[in-house]
Amino acid sequence: MNAPHKQRGLSLIELLVAMTIGAVLIFGATQVYVNSRKAYGINEGVARLQETARYAMSVIEPDVRMSNYWGLLKGGAVISGQASQTAAAAAVASTAAANICGRNFATDLSTNLQGDNNAYIISTSFKTAGCEALLDLNTGTAWATTPVTTADTLTVRRASVFDATATAGQLQLCTSRIAGRMISDGSACAGAAVGLADAAATAKLENLIVDTYYVDRNSQQQAGLPSLRRKTVTTAGGAIQFRDQEIIAGVEDMQVQFGIDPLGNTGIATRYVNPDGVPAGAQIVAVRVWLLVRSDTPENGFIDNRIYTYGDRLQATGITGDLNSAAGAGMAYQPSLSADTSFTGPQRVRRLLISRTIQLRNALGT
């Protein structure tokens, strides 16, 4: 008869080998989890950047595309009641509130598009300090403007595409096929309003839209997080007002160039120039916009050392690490050169650069 088999346990060496293999497997699984979480976070951040960029451009594009639209009338220069930014204040909008961002800034219909190149000026014609402390259109509280000083600005003037109701204290355009008038007293819009022989003839009434897009260093969401904002003409308390409005947080820079038709008769852009470089007599037929979008939270272990070249931010001009330095105007942008090396500094966030070329639907008139 065979003797019973003796039970034996694991030896110390076998136990150590098993523990080592288990530790390696656990470590590997942990690394896979950590890397997956990191990849998910990066992908989520990039998706948010794309979403921010798409939304910002979806606001700018239709506004620009309809620039130089004046209702039933072709060409805003013949609309009565308007005035250039170098003329005396137009009677239709002569109050201080209507001219707070520049004399006749709201009523200069001959300039359907204008902008500042690598600067924040908006208007050189009697802009007051109040333009930098307008009430926010959404919250009703005062907004202290702190612009990104080397970003471009873009101002769009046009008529709304929707029929309006006559409203006192609102800049409106009453147009027919042969004449037009700017009004703000809530008077009826008919043939008599635009000087037609048939006083009862039908005319079209639309609100005037004046939007100035710029980039602010701060947002309502978070101080230090830049945002795309605009100053827009509206009405409040029965009076013409300018208000400030945040479009979306996370837009760090905006560059703009105008596509011009030198002869003003083909509607085709032959070249693109900076906002301050449009030759006399040339017609703006397209607008090219670049938006640099950044995430709202820093990323541990990440440093953005890319060199961003776009618009007239050219590497040949130099490289800057500070968009708010006047010396950096016209220079390519490299965030890793920023003097702020803190964990929350600008070099620690991801960015996305997008551009769009927008053809003006009414480049040669309505």
Foldseek 3Di string as FASTA:
>chain_A
DDDDDDDDDDDPVRVVVVVVVVVVVVVVVVVVVVVVVVVVVVVVQVVVQVVQVVQVCVVVFVLQQAFQAAALEWGPPQAPQADAQVDQAGPQANDCQSAQQGRRLQRRSNPQKFKDAQADRSYPHPHHCVVQFFQEPVPRHTHRFAFLGGFMKMKGKYWDPDFDQQAAAFWKWKAHNPFIYTHRGSDDRACVVGVHPPRHHDITMTGIKIKMWGKGCQDPVGHRFIFIKIWIWGGDPRHIHIHIYTSDTFWDHKAKWFFKDQQLPDLDRPDTGGSVPDDPNIFGFKMKMKTKGKGPFFDPPAFQQDWADDHQQDCVLPEDLGSNDSVNRSHIYGVNRDPPPDRRGPRRIDIDMDMDMHGHPSRSTD
